[in-house]
């Protein structure tokens, strides 16, 4: 993927990236995820959750160290926000960063971190002032191998098994003062804006799964025969295929709309949430329908349908659950239509 320029799609060429836009990124993410959603999420995290916030919040000097080798694909990044105790409540981060002379000392654990065991660096959201609650969060750049920075076990997951997931553990981890990303107290803003962009990436990953499920089901339905006819001739199968195509096409339009708004530097929080919600639920529904079309063949590893089913489920959970997406969408709607 590095050779193809897929690890820093939206990063300017002068910083090691491809210099393309969010729409191009969404299209590339979908294509990769049609073949392998696990590879897609590795790409998505490096692009959306690591390179994008570094590109937007880092100084020029920081970008030379923390962006160029990651956008070029020489190194891999990850993003540490979730914790064992906070889940969807991002503002409740218990990981702390305490200033001690010319260094920040990190203490705490980040959970469910994609790329954890392969990443060369992590963006870590930590509390620098508990009294300020979410306004007391700050973002930091932490290099793998830093004393006091260790990893938990590699999680044995239902799907996206080719990507590593685990805990980032900080125990008296000292990092240079200049490793803060953005100003102090901007951590919540960094996290929320990063997730907006990340949801476009995960929506595109989900589109890949939804499309792969549709393509497999349509092909199988035309080659598998029952009652002396391809099962594609049966109305019940046609209805499944029609619904699969509608879910895929409609969620793709939502995803591309969110990407275009991001490219136009227009607000896109609601649109990204809509895209992620629609595409993730389309992926799960299409994978389910694909297995139904294939019947017994959909349930065994001879065919990729069961992998699509396992991979799809996580798209409704990470980077904001479907329930969180609905809250985000509703919150934006209430702002648009005040009483």
C-alpha atoms as a PDB file:
ATOM      1  CA  UNK A   1       0.000   0.000   0.000  1.00  0.00           C
ATOM      2  CA  UNK A   2       2.908   2.333   0.666  1.00  0.00           C
ATOM      3  CA  UNK A   3       4.176   1.864  -2.881  1.00  0.00           C
ATOM      4  CA  UNK A   4       0.712   2.769  -4.191  1.00  0.00           C
ATOM      5  CA  UNK A   5       0.592   5.925  -2.083  1.00  0.00           C
ATOM      6  CA  UNK A   6      -2.336   4.703   0.006  1.00  0.00           C
ATOM      7  CA  UNK A   7      -0.980   5.409   3.486  1.00  0.00           C
ATOM      8  CA  UNK A   8      -1.132   9.207   3.296  1.00  0.00           C
ATOM      9  CA  UNK A   9      -3.730   9.900   0.626  1.00  0.00           C
ATOM     10  CA  UNK A  10      -4.771  13.341   1.922  1.00  0.00           C
ATOM     11  CA  UNK A  11      -1.305  14.470   3.026  1.00  0.00           C
ATOM     12  CA  UNK A  12       0.500  16.973   0.749  1.00  0.00           C
ATOM     13  CA  UNK A  13       3.374  15.552  -1.265  1.00  0.00           C
ATOM     14  CA  UNK A  14       5.887  17.771   0.552  1.00  0.00           C
ATOM     15  CA  UNK A  15       5.094  15.811   3.721  1.00  0.00           C
ATOM     16  CA  UNK A  16       5.343  12.376   2.099  1.00  0.00           C
ATOM     17  CA  UNK A  17       1.727  11.926   1.071  1.00  0.00           C
ATOM     18  CA  UNK A  18      -0.155  11.538  -2.182  1.00  0.00           C
ATOM     19  CA  UNK A  19      -1.719  15.012  -2.127  1.00  0.00           C
ATOM     20  CA  UNK A  20      -5.250  13.917  -3.003  1.00  0.00           C
ATOM     21  CA  UNK A  21      -8.575  14.742  -1.356  1.00  0.00           C
ATOM     22  CA  UNK A  22     -11.041  13.071   1.004  1.00  0.00           C
ATOM     23  CA  UNK A  23     -13.213  11.816  -1.850  1.00  0.00           C
ATOM     24  CA  UNK A  24     -10.234  10.065  -3.434  1.00  0.00           C
ATOM     25  CA  UNK A  25      -9.432   8.607  -0.021  1.00  0.00           C
ATOM     26  CA  UNK A  26     -12.982   7.264   0.386  1.00  0.00           C
ATOM     27  CA  UNK A  27     -12.876   5.661  -3.065  1.00  0.00           C
ATOM     28  CA  UNK A  28      -9.480   4.072  -2.370  1.00  0.00           C
ATOM     29  CA  UNK A  29     -10.620   2.830   1.046  1.00  0.00           C
ATOM     30  CA  UNK A  30     -13.663   1.157  -0.484  1.00  0.00           C
ATOM     31  CA  UNK A  31     -11.608  -0.573  -3.181  1.00  0.00           C
ATOM     32  CA  UNK A  32      -9.093  -1.938  -0.679  1.00  0.00           C
ATOM     33  CA  UNK A  33     -11.869  -3.085   1.658  1.00  0.00           C
ATOM     34  CA  UNK A  34     -13.683  -4.979  -1.104  1.00  0.00           C
ATOM     35  CA  UNK A  35     -10.680  -7.270  -1.113  1.00  0.00           C
ATOM     36  CA  UNK A  36      -9.876  -7.236   2.614  1.00  0.00           C
ATOM     37  CA  UNK A  37     -11.576  -5.146   5.293  1.00  0.00           C
ATOM     38  CA  UNK A  38      -8.756  -5.820   7.770  1.00  0.00           C
ATOM     39  CA  UNK A  39      -6.248  -4.283   5.367  1.00  0.00           C
ATOM     40  CA  UNK A  40      -8.723  -1.449   4.903  1.00  0.00           C
ATOM     41  CA  UNK A  41      -8.838  -0.613   8.614  1.00  0.00           C
ATOM     42  CA  UNK A  42      -5.036  -0.584   8.852  1.00  0.00           C
ATOM     43  CA  UNK A  43      -5.052   1.946   6.022  1.00  0.00           C
ATOM     44  CA  UNK A  44      -7.935   3.905   7.547  1.00  0.00           C
ATOM     45  CA  UNK A  45      -6.331   4.328  10.964  1.00  0.00           C
ATOM     46  CA  UNK A  46      -3.028   5.497   9.518  1.00  0.00           C
ATOM     47  CA  UNK A  47      -4.754   7.956   7.169  1.00  0.00           C
ATOM     48  CA  UNK A  48      -7.694   9.234   9.229  1.00  0.00           C
ATOM     49  CA  UNK A  49      -6.718   8.808  12.859  1.00  0.00           C
ATOM     50  CA  UNK A  50      -2.986   9.398  12.698  1.00  0.00           C
ATOM     51  CA  UNK A  51      -1.835  11.347   9.630  1.00  0.00           C
ATOM     52  CA  UNK A  52      -4.857  13.653   9.411  1.00  0.00           C
ATOM     53  CA  UNK A  53      -4.642  15.103  12.973  1.00  0.00           C
ATOM     54  CA  UNK A  54      -0.844  15.375  12.745  1.00  0.00           C
ATOM     55  CA  UNK A  55      -1.234  17.223   9.452  1.00  0.00           C
ATOM     56  CA  UNK A  56      -3.823  19.595  10.956  1.00  0.00           C
ATOM     57  CA  UNK A  57      -2.373  20.246  14.421  1.00  0.00           C
ATOM     58  CA  UNK A  58       1.404  19.648  14.282  1.00  0.00           C
ATOM     59  CA  UNK A  59       4.068  22.281  13.744  1.00  0.00           C
ATOM     60  CA  UNK A  60       6.281  22.075  10.656  1.00  0.00           C
ATOM     61  CA  UNK A  61       9.109  20.621  12.736  1.00  0.00           C
ATOM     62  CA  UNK A  62       6.791  18.005  14.225  1.00  0.00           C
ATOM     63  CA  UNK A  63       5.512  17.069  10.777  1.00  0.00           C
ATOM     64  CA  UNK A  64       9.013  16.297   9.550  1.00  0.00           C
ATOM     65  CA  UNK A  65       9.394  13.663  12.285  1.00  0.00           C
ATOM     66  CA  UNK A  66       5.853  12.518  12.992  1.00  0.00           C
ATOM     67  CA  UNK A  67       4.159  12.809   9.582  1.00  0.00           C
ATOM     68  CA  UNK A  68       6.572  12.328   6.650  1.00  0.00           C
ATOM     69  CA  UNK A  69       7.579   8.689   7.352  1.00  0.00           C
ATOM     70  CA  UNK A  70       3.988   7.756   8.229  1.00  0.00           C
ATOM     71  CA  UNK A  71       2.360   9.350   5.186  1.00  0.00           C
ATOM     72  CA  UNK A  72       4.933   7.655   2.947  1.00  0.00           C
ATOM     73  CA  UNK A  73       4.159   4.281   4.510  1.00  0.00           C
ATOM     74  CA  UNK A  74       7.636   3.794   5.944  1.00  0.00           C
ATOM     75  CA  UNK A  75       6.048   3.762   9.415  1.00  0.00           C
ATOM     76  CA  UNK A  76       2.584   3.048  10.818  1.00  0.00           C
ATOM     77  CA  UNK A  77       0.581   5.076  13.335  1.00  0.00           C
ATOM     78  CA  UNK A  78      -2.307   4.511  15.736  1.00  0.00           C
ATOM     79  CA  UNK A  79      -4.706   6.603  17.819  1.00  0.00           C
ATOM     80  CA  UNK A  80      -5.254   6.210  21.563  1.00  0.00           C
ATOM     81  CA  UNK A  81      -8.607   7.551  22.776  1.00  0.00           C
ATOM     82  CA  UNK A  82     -10.771   4.706  24.142  1.00  0.00           C
ATOM     83  CA  UNK A  83     -10.066   3.350  27.615  1.00  0.00           C
ATOM     84  CA  UNK A  84     -11.224   0.268  29.532  1.00  0.00           C
ATOM     85  CA  UNK A  85     -13.628   2.378  31.577  1.00  0.00           C
ATOM     86  CA  UNK A  86     -14.867   5.122  29.282  1.00  0.00           C
ATOM     87  CA  UNK A  87     -16.035   3.517  26.021  1.00  0.00           C
ATOM     88  CA  UNK A  88     -18.122   6.052  24.132  1.00  0.00           C
ATOM     89  CA  UNK A  89     -17.584   8.753  26.795  1.00  0.00           C
ATOM     90  CA  UNK A  90     -14.440  10.243  25.298  1.00  0.00           C
ATOM     91  CA  UNK A  91     -14.396  13.161  27.741  1.00  0.00           C
ATOM     92  CA  UNK A  92     -13.985  10.808  30.697  1.00  0.00           C
ATOM     93  CA  UNK A  93     -10.373   9.887  29.917  1.00  0.00           C
ATOM     94  CA  UNK A  94      -8.545   8.715  33.046  1.00  0.00           C
ATOM     95  CA  UNK A  95      -5.091   8.570  31.408  1.00  0.00           C
ATOM     96  CA  UNK A  96      -3.133  11.520  32.784  1.00  0.00           C
ATOM     97  CA  UNK A  97      -0.221  13.616  31.595  1.00  0.00           C
ATOM     98  CA  UNK A  98       1.698  15.506  34.279  1.00  0.00           C
ATOM     99  CA  UNK A  99       4.344  18.100  33.480  1.00  0.00           C
ATOM    100  CA  UNK A 100       7.629  17.357  35.230  1.00  0.00           C
ATOM    101  CA  UNK A 101      10.352  19.789  34.213  1.00  0.00           C
ATOM    102  CA  UNK A 102      10.863  19.495  30.465  1.00  0.00           C
ATOM    103  CA  UNK A 103       8.863  16.262  30.136  1.00  0.00           C
ATOM    104  CA  UNK A 104       5.285  15.025  30.293  1.00  0.00           C
ATOM    105  CA  UNK A 105       4.711  11.880  32.345  1.00  0.00           C
ATOM    106  CA  UNK A 106       1.898   9.644  31.055  1.00  0.00           C
ATOM    107  CA  UNK A 107      -0.025   7.248  33.298  1.00  0.00           C
ATOM    108  CA  UNK A 108      -2.936   5.073  32.222  1.00  0.00           C
ATOM    109  CA  UNK A 109      -4.240   2.594  29.659  1.00  0.00           C
ATOM    110  CA  UNK A 110      -5.820   2.978  26.232  1.00  0.00           C
ATOM    111  CA  UNK A 111      -8.000   0.102  25.012  1.00  0.00           C
ATOM    112  CA  UNK A 112      -9.116  -1.425  21.704  1.00  0.00           C
ATOM    113  CA  UNK A 113      -6.383   0.338  19.747  1.00  0.00           C
ATOM    114  CA  UNK A 114      -6.174  -0.708  16.096  1.00  0.00           C
ATOM    115  CA  UNK A 115      -2.588  -1.128  14.794  1.00  0.00           C
ATOM    116  CA  UNK A 116      -1.356  -1.265  18.419  1.00  0.00           C
ATOM    117  CA  UNK A 117       1.158  -4.058  17.888  1.00  0.00           C
ATOM    118  CA  UNK A 118       2.444  -2.775  14.548  1.00  0.00           C
ATOM    119  CA  UNK A 119       2.502   0.993  15.093  1.00  0.00           C
ATOM    120  CA  UNK A 120       5.698   3.008  15.371  1.00  0.00           C
ATOM    121  CA  UNK A 121       3.931   5.892  17.134  1.00  0.00           C
ATOM    122  CA  UNK A 122       0.624   6.765  18.752  1.00  0.00           C
ATOM    123  CA  UNK A 123      -1.462   9.870  19.249  1.00  0.00           C
ATOM    124  CA  UNK A 124      -2.589   9.683  22.878  1.00  0.00           C
ATOM    125  CA  UNK A 125      -5.388  11.737  24.434  1.00  0.00           C
ATOM    126  CA  UNK A 126      -4.697  12.357  28.122  1.00  0.00           C
ATOM    127  CA  UNK A 127      -5.941  14.599  30.935  1.00  0.00           C
ATOM    128  CA  UNK A 128      -3.631  17.484  31.824  1.00  0.00           C
ATOM    129  CA  UNK A 129      -6.137  19.208  34.135  1.00  0.00           C
ATOM    130  CA  UNK A 130      -8.927  17.113  35.677  1.00  0.00           C
ATOM    131  CA  UNK A 131     -10.732  20.179  37.027  1.00  0.00           C
ATOM    132  CA  UNK A 132     -11.487  21.346  33.477  1.00  0.00           C
ATOM    133  CA  UNK A 133     -13.089  18.019  32.455  1.00  0.00           C
ATOM    134  CA  UNK A 134     -13.127  17.742  28.618  1.00  0.00           C
ATOM    135  CA  UNK A 135     -11.366  21.094  28.315  1.00  0.00           C
ATOM    136  CA  UNK A 136      -8.518  19.629  30.321  1.00  0.00           C
ATOM    137  CA  UNK A 137      -7.671  16.986  27.704  1.00  0.00           C
ATOM    138  CA  UNK A 138      -4.537  17.303  25.563  1.00  0.00           C
ATOM    139  CA  UNK A 139      -3.045  15.269  22.713  1.00  0.00           C
ATOM    140  CA  UNK A 140       0.458  13.797  22.668  1.00  0.00           C
ATOM    141  CA  UNK A 141       2.745  12.021  20.221  1.00  0.00           C
ATOM    142  CA  UNK A 142       4.366   8.944  21.734  1.00  0.00           C
ATOM    143  CA  UNK A 143       6.982   6.839  19.999  1.00  0.00           C
ATOM    144  CA  UNK A 144       6.856   3.043  20.281  1.00  0.00           C
ATOM    145  CA  UNK A 145       9.669   1.771  22.458  1.00  0.00           C
ATOM    146  CA  UNK A 146       9.613   4.758  24.798  1.00  0.00           C
ATOM    147  CA  UNK A 147      10.440   3.572  28.358  1.00  0.00           C
ATOM    148  CA  UNK A 148       7.221   3.102  30.297  1.00  0.00           C
ATOM    149  CA  UNK A 149       5.158   2.468  27.132  1.00  0.00           C
ATOM    150  CA  UNK A 150       4.105  -1.163  26.700  1.00  0.00           C
ATOM    151  CA  UNK A 151       1.400  -3.162  24.966  1.00  0.00           C
ATOM    152  CA  UNK A 152      -1.280  -5.494  26.268  1.00  0.00           C
ATOM    153  CA  UNK A 153      -2.161  -8.807  24.679  1.00  0.00           C
ATOM    154  CA  UNK A 154      -3.152  -8.936  21.024  1.00  0.00           C
ATOM    155  CA  UNK A 155      -6.929  -9.337  21.046  1.00  0.00           C
ATOM    156  CA  UNK A 156      -8.381 -12.507  19.476  1.00  0.00           C
ATOM    157  CA  UNK A 157     -11.177 -10.904  17.471  1.00  0.00           C
ATOM    158  CA  UNK A 158     -14.302 -12.122  15.666  1.00  0.00           C
ATOM    159  CA  UNK A 159     -13.350 -10.300  12.454  1.00  0.00           C
ATOM    160  CA  UNK A 160     -10.759  -8.001  10.843  1.00  0.00           C
ATOM    161  CA  UNK A 161      -8.286 -10.542  12.154  1.00  0.00           C
ATOM    162  CA  UNK A 162      -5.354  -9.397  10.010  1.00  0.00           C
ATOM    163  CA  UNK A 163      -5.196  -6.103  11.932  1.00  0.00           C
ATOM    164  CA  UNK A 164      -3.751  -5.975  15.429  1.00  0.00           C
ATOM    165  CA  UNK A 165      -5.830  -4.656  18.332  1.00  0.00           C
ATOM    166  CA  UNK A 166      -4.665  -4.198  21.905  1.00  0.00           C
ATOM    167  CA  UNK A 167      -4.069  -1.923  24.880  1.00  0.00           C
ATOM    168  CA  UNK A 168      -1.500   0.870  25.084  1.00  0.00           C
ATOM    169  CA  UNK A 169      -0.152   0.916  28.648  1.00  0.00           C
ATOM    170  CA  UNK A 170       1.663   3.916  30.123  1.00  0.00           C
ATOM    171  CA  UNK A 171       3.525   3.520  33.407  1.00  0.00           C
ATOM    172  CA  UNK A 172       5.671   6.536  34.300  1.00  0.00           C
ATOM    173  CA  UNK A 173       6.180   7.107  30.573  1.00  0.00           C
ATOM    174  CA  UNK A 174       8.231  10.268  30.071  1.00  0.00           C
ATOM    175  CA  UNK A 175       8.018  12.072  26.745  1.00  0.00           C
ATOM    176  CA  UNK A 176       9.610  15.387  25.697  1.00  0.00           C
ATOM    177  CA  UNK A 177       7.568  18.523  26.353  1.00  0.00           C
ATOM    178  CA  UNK A 178       7.549  19.267  22.620  1.00  0.00           C
ATOM    179  CA  UNK A 179       5.605  16.041  21.927  1.00  0.00           C
ATOM    180  CA  UNK A 180       2.316  17.762  22.689  1.00  0.00           C
ATOM    181  CA  UNK A 181       0.132  17.872  19.561  1.00  0.00           C
ATOM    182  CA  UNK A 182      -1.676  21.187  19.313  1.00  0.00           C
ATOM    183  CA  UNK A 183      -2.118  23.534  22.275  1.00  0.00           C
ATOM    184  CA  UNK A 184      -2.684  22.344  25.820  1.00  0.00           C
ATOM    185  CA  UNK A 185      -6.375  21.714  26.458  1.00  0.00           C
ATOM    186  CA  UNK A 186      -7.155  21.044  22.798  1.00  0.00           C
ATOM    187  CA  UNK A 187      -7.254  17.267  23.155  1.00  0.00           C
ATOM    188  CA  UNK A 188     -11.039  16.937  23.020  1.00  0.00           C
ATOM    189  CA  UNK A 189     -11.169  19.095  19.891  1.00  0.00           C
ATOM    190  CA  UNK A 190      -8.388  17.028  18.322  1.00  0.00           C
ATOM    191  CA  UNK A 191     -10.225  13.806  19.159  1.00  0.00           C
ATOM    192  CA  UNK A 192     -13.688  14.855  17.979  1.00  0.00           C
ATOM    193  CA  UNK A 193     -12.487  16.422  14.724  1.00  0.00           C
ATOM    194  CA  UNK A 194     -10.355  13.353  14.085  1.00  0.00           C
ATOM    195  CA  UNK A 195     -13.325  11.040  14.584  1.00  0.00           C
ATOM    196  CA  UNK A 196     -15.400  13.068  12.120  1.00  0.00           C
ATOM    197  CA  UNK A 197     -12.827  12.344   9.429  1.00  0.00           C
ATOM    198  CA  UNK A 198     -12.331   8.797  10.643  1.00  0.00           C
ATOM    199  CA  UNK A 199     -16.004   8.056  10.172  1.00  0.00           C
ATOM    200  CA  UNK A 200     -15.640   8.741   6.462  1.00  0.00           C
ATOM    201  CA  UNK A 201     -12.872   6.134   6.375  1.00  0.00           C
ATOM    202  CA  UNK A 202     -14.895   3.533   8.272  1.00  0.00           C
ATOM    203  CA  UNK A 203     -17.947   4.268   6.134  1.00  0.00           C
ATOM    204  CA  UNK A 204     -15.799   3.549   3.083  1.00  0.00           C
ATOM    205  CA  UNK A 205     -14.487   0.361   4.670  1.00  0.00           C
ATOM    206  CA  UNK A 206     -18.074  -0.719   5.319  1.00  0.00           C
ATOM    207  CA  UNK A 207     -18.972   0.108   1.713  1.00  0.00           C
ATOM    208  CA  UNK A 208     -16.266  -2.302   0.598  1.00  0.00           C
ATOM    209  CA  UNK A 209     -17.810  -5.085   2.668  1.00  0.00           C
ATOM    210  CA  UNK A 210     -21.334  -4.233   1.466  1.00  0.00           C
ATOM    211  CA  UNK A 211     -20.206  -4.259  -2.169  1.00  0.00           C
ATOM    212  CA  UNK A 212     -18.184  -7.453  -1.864  1.00  0.00           C
ATOM    213  CA  UNK A 213     -21.232  -9.158  -0.333  1.00  0.00           C
ATOM    214  CA  UNK A 214     -23.447  -7.926  -3.167  1.00  0.00           C
ATOM    215  CA  UNK A 215     -21.016  -8.986  -5.890  1.00  0.00           C
ATOM    216  CA  UNK A 216     -20.584 -12.473  -4.415  1.00  0.00           C
ATOM    217  CA  UNK A 217     -24.321 -12.984  -3.941  1.00  0.00           C
ATOM    218  CA  UNK A 218     -25.176 -11.780  -7.461  1.00  0.00           C
ATOM    219  CA  UNK A 219     -22.534 -14.019  -9.059  1.00  0.00           C
ATOM    220  CA  UNK A 220     -23.514 -17.075  -7.026  1.00  0.00           C
ATOM    221  CA  UNK A 221     -27.225 -16.536  -7.690  1.00  0.00           C
ATOM    222  CA  UNK A 222     -26.609 -16.717 -11.435  1.00  0.00           C
ATOM    223  CA  UNK A 223     -24.525 -19.896 -11.308  1.00  0.00           C
ATOM    224  CA  UNK A 224     -26.302 -21.919  -8.620  1.00  0.00           C
ATOM    225  CA  UNK A 225     -29.334 -23.818  -9.958  1.00  0.00           C
ATOM    226  CA  UNK A 226     -32.412 -25.165  -8.216  1.00  0.00           C
ATOM    227  CA  UNK A 227     -35.580 -26.507  -9.857  1.00  0.00           C
ATOM    228  CA  UNK A 228     -33.756 -26.433 -13.213  1.00  0.00           C
ATOM    229  CA  UNK A 229     -33.132 -22.680 -13.066  1.00  0.00           C
ATOM    230  CA  UNK A 230     -30.529 -20.307 -11.596  1.00  0.00           C
ATOM    231  CA  UNK A 231     -31.715 -19.140  -8.203  1.00  0.00           C
ATOM    232  CA  UNK A 232     -31.408 -15.567  -9.538  1.00  0.00           C
ATOM    233  CA  UNK A 233     -34.650 -16.311 -11.401  1.00  0.00           C
ATOM    234  CA  UNK A 234     -36.511 -16.717  -8.126  1.00  0.00           C
ATOM    235  CA  UNK A 235     -38.268 -13.615  -6.851  1.00  0.00           C
ATOM    236  CA  UNK A 236     -37.165 -14.193  -3.248  1.00  0.00           C
ATOM    237  CA  UNK A 237     -33.507 -13.991  -4.297  1.00  0.00           C
ATOM    238  CA  UNK A 238     -34.139 -10.997  -6.544  1.00  0.00           C
ATOM    239  CA  UNK A 239     -35.672  -9.106  -3.617  1.00  0.00           C
ATOM    240  CA  UNK A 240     -32.571  -9.800  -1.506  1.00  0.00           C
ATOM    241  CA  UNK A 241     -30.275  -8.575  -4.280  1.00  0.00           C
ATOM    242  CA  UNK A 242     -32.360  -5.451  -4.864  1.00  0.00           C
ATOM    243  CA  UNK A 243     -32.244  -4.497  -1.201  1.00  0.00           C
ATOM    244  CA  UNK A 244     -28.498  -5.171  -1.059  1.00  0.00           C
ATOM    245  CA  UNK A 245     -27.884  -2.901  -4.049  1.00  0.00           C
ATOM    246  CA  UNK A 246     -30.088  -0.142  -2.647  1.00  0.00           C
ATOM    247  CA  UNK A 247     -28.321  -0.210   0.731  1.00  0.00           C
ATOM    248  CA  UNK A 248     -24.900  -0.080  -0.906  1.00  0.00           C
ATOM    249  CA  UNK A 249     -25.675   2.680  -3.418  1.00  0.00           C
ATOM    250  CA  UNK A 250     -27.498   4.946  -0.953  1.00  0.00           C
ATOM    251  CA  UNK A 251     -24.813   4.697   1.733  1.00  0.00           C
ATOM    252  CA  UNK A 252     -22.126   5.314  -0.899  1.00  0.00           C
ATOM    253  CA  UNK A 253     -23.831   8.584  -1.838  1.00  0.00           C
ATOM    254  CA  UNK A 254     -23.900   9.631   1.837  1.00  0.00           C
ATOM    255  CA  UNK A 255     -20.218   8.784   2.215  1.00  0.00           C
ATOM    256  CA  UNK A 256     -19.179  10.724  -0.860  1.00  0.00           C
ATOM    257  CA  UNK A 257     -21.272  13.700   0.251  1.00  0.00           C
ATOM    258  CA  UNK A 258     -19.460  13.782   3.605  1.00  0.00           C
ATOM    259  CA  UNK A 259     -16.096  13.546   1.823  1.00  0.00           C
ATOM    260  CA  UNK A 260     -16.970  16.396  -0.535  1.00  0.00           C
ATOM    261  CA  UNK A 261     -17.991  18.593   2.387  1.00  0.00           C
ATOM    262  CA  UNK A 262     -14.689  17.852   4.119  1.00  0.00           C
ATOM    263  CA  UNK A 263     -12.845  18.784   0.931  1.00  0.00           C
ATOM    264  CA  UNK A 264     -14.823  22.040   0.765  1.00  0.00           C
ATOM    265  CA  UNK A 265     -13.846  22.788   4.382  1.00  0.00           C
ATOM    266  CA  UNK A 266     -17.542  22.919   5.246  1.00  0.00           C
ATOM    267  CA  UNK A 267     -19.061  21.429   8.433  1.00  0.00           C
ATOM    268  CA  UNK A 268     -19.565  17.708   7.967  1.00  0.00           C
ATOM    269  CA  UNK A 269     -20.075  16.236  11.449  1.00  0.00           C
ATOM    270  CA  UNK A 270     -23.694  15.237  10.774  1.00  0.00           C
ATOM    271  CA  UNK A 271     -22.973  13.961   7.274  1.00  0.00           C
ATOM    272  CA  UNK A 272     -20.015  11.855   8.440  1.00  0.00           C
ATOM    273  CA  UNK A 273     -22.153  10.318  11.176  1.00  0.00           C
ATOM    274  CA  UNK A 274     -24.934   9.588   8.673  1.00  0.00           C
ATOM    275  CA  UNK A 275     -22.471   8.001   6.266  1.00  0.00           C
ATOM    276  CA  UNK A 276     -20.871   5.854   8.934  1.00  0.00           C
ATOM    277  CA  UNK A 277     -24.239   4.772  10.340  1.00  0.00           C
ATOM    278  CA  UNK A 278     -25.782   3.950   6.961  1.00  0.00           C
ATOM    279  CA  UNK A 279     -22.719   2.217   5.526  1.00  0.00           C
ATOM    280  CA  UNK A 280     -21.984   0.122   8.606  1.00  0.00           C
ATOM    281  CA  UNK A 281     -25.566  -1.083   8.860  1.00  0.00           C
ATOM    282  CA  UNK A 282     -25.557  -1.746   5.101  1.00  0.00           C
ATOM    283  CA  UNK A 283     -22.404  -3.840   5.486  1.00  0.00           C
ATOM    284  CA  UNK A 284     -23.929  -5.962   8.238  1.00  0.00           C
ATOM    285  CA  UNK A 285     -27.256  -6.367   6.425  1.00  0.00           C
ATOM    286  CA  UNK A 286     -25.604  -7.178   3.087  1.00  0.00           C
ATOM    287  CA  UNK A 287     -23.245  -9.723   4.635  1.00  0.00           C
ATOM    288  CA  UNK A 288     -26.237 -11.363   6.309  1.00  0.00           C
ATOM    289  CA  UNK A 289     -28.170 -11.421   3.034  1.00  0.00           C
ATOM    290  CA  UNK A 290     -25.158 -12.766   1.162  1.00  0.00           C
ATOM    291  CA  UNK A 291     -25.004 -15.787   3.452  1.00  0.00           C
ATOM    292  CA  UNK A 292     -28.736 -16.286   2.944  1.00  0.00           C
ATOM    293  CA  UNK A 293     -28.312 -16.311  -0.850  1.00  0.00           C
ATOM    294  CA  UNK A 294     -25.425 -18.777  -0.631  1.00  0.00           C
ATOM    295  CA  UNK A 295     -27.185 -20.993   1.891  1.00  0.00           C
ATOM    296  CA  UNK A 296     -24.884 -23.635   3.322  1.00  0.00           C
ATOM    297  CA  UNK A 297     -21.990 -22.436   1.177  1.00  0.00           C
ATOM    298  CA  UNK A 298     -22.220 -19.065   2.901  1.00  0.00           C
ATOM    299  CA  UNK A 299     -21.585 -20.662   6.271  1.00  0.00           C
ATOM    300  CA  UNK A 300     -18.274 -22.349   5.486  1.00  0.00           C
ATOM    301  CA  UNK A 301     -14.814 -20.931   4.906  1.00  0.00           C
ATOM    302  CA  UNK A 302     -14.705 -22.201   1.314  1.00  0.00           C
ATOM    303  CA  UNK A 303     -16.465 -18.947   0.416  1.00  0.00           C
ATOM    304  CA  UNK A 304     -15.676 -15.449   1.777  1.00  0.00           C
ATOM    305  CA  UNK A 305     -19.271 -14.697   2.808  1.00  0.00           C
ATOM    306  CA  UNK A 306     -18.692 -15.748   6.414  1.00  0.00           C
ATOM    307  CA  UNK A 307     -15.634 -13.452   6.589  1.00  0.00           C
ATOM    308  CA  UNK A 308     -17.685 -10.534   5.296  1.00  0.00           C
ATOM    309  CA  UNK A 309     -20.210 -11.272   8.042  1.00  0.00           C
ATOM    310  CA  UNK A 310     -17.543 -11.330  10.767  1.00  0.00           C
ATOM    311  CA  UNK A 311     -15.756  -8.241   9.431  1.00  0.00           C
ATOM    312  CA  UNK A 312     -18.934  -6.186   9.017  1.00  0.00           C
ATOM    313  CA  UNK A 313     -20.005  -6.342  12.642  1.00  0.00           C
ATOM    314  CA  UNK A 314     -17.203  -4.155  13.989  1.00  0.00           C
ATOM    315  CA  UNK A 315     -18.082  -1.278  11.646  1.00  0.00           C
ATOM    316  CA  UNK A 316     -21.154  -0.618  13.803  1.00  0.00           C
ATOM    317  CA  UNK A 317     -18.981  -0.388  16.927  1.00  0.00           C
ATOM    318  CA  UNK A 318     -15.620   1.305  16.435  1.00  0.00           C
ATOM    319  CA  UNK A 319     -15.128   5.020  15.848  1.00  0.00           C
ATOM    320  CA  UNK A 320     -18.517   5.580  17.438  1.00  0.00           C
ATOM    321  CA  UNK A 321     -21.259   2.992  17.829  1.00  0.00           C
ATOM    322  CA  UNK A 322     -24.454   3.223  15.789  1.00  0.00           C
ATOM    323  CA  UNK A 323     -26.163   4.588  18.893  1.00  0.00           C
ATOM    324  CA  UNK A 324     -23.566   7.362  19.193  1.00  0.00           C
ATOM    325  CA  UNK A 325     -24.006   8.202  15.488  1.00  0.00           C
ATOM    326  CA  UNK A 326     -27.734   8.645  16.022  1.00  0.00           C
ATOM    327  CA  UNK A 327     -27.053  10.945  18.988  1.00  0.00           C
ATOM    328  CA  UNK A 328     -24.618  13.002  16.903  1.00  0.00           C
ATOM    329  CA  UNK A 329     -27.109  13.262  14.030  1.00  0.00           C
ATOM    330  CA  UNK A 330     -29.980  14.219  16.337  1.00  0.00           C
ATOM    331  CA  UNK A 331     -27.854  16.813  18.112  1.00  0.00           C
ATOM    332  CA  UNK A 332     -26.967  18.470  14.810  1.00  0.00           C
ATOM    333  CA  UNK A 333     -30.594  18.399  13.628  1.00  0.00           C
ATOM    334  CA  UNK A 334     -31.789  20.123  16.809  1.00  0.00           C
ATOM    335  CA  UNK A 335     -29.223  22.869  16.190  1.00  0.00           C
ATOM    336  CA  UNK A 336     -30.430  23.268  12.612  1.00  0.00           C
ATOM    337  CA  UNK A 337     -34.103  23.427  13.557  1.00  0.00           C
ATOM    338  CA  UNK A 338     -34.354  25.336  16.868  1.00  0.00           C
ATOM    339  CA  UNK A 339     -37.727  25.724  18.548  1.00  0.00           C
END
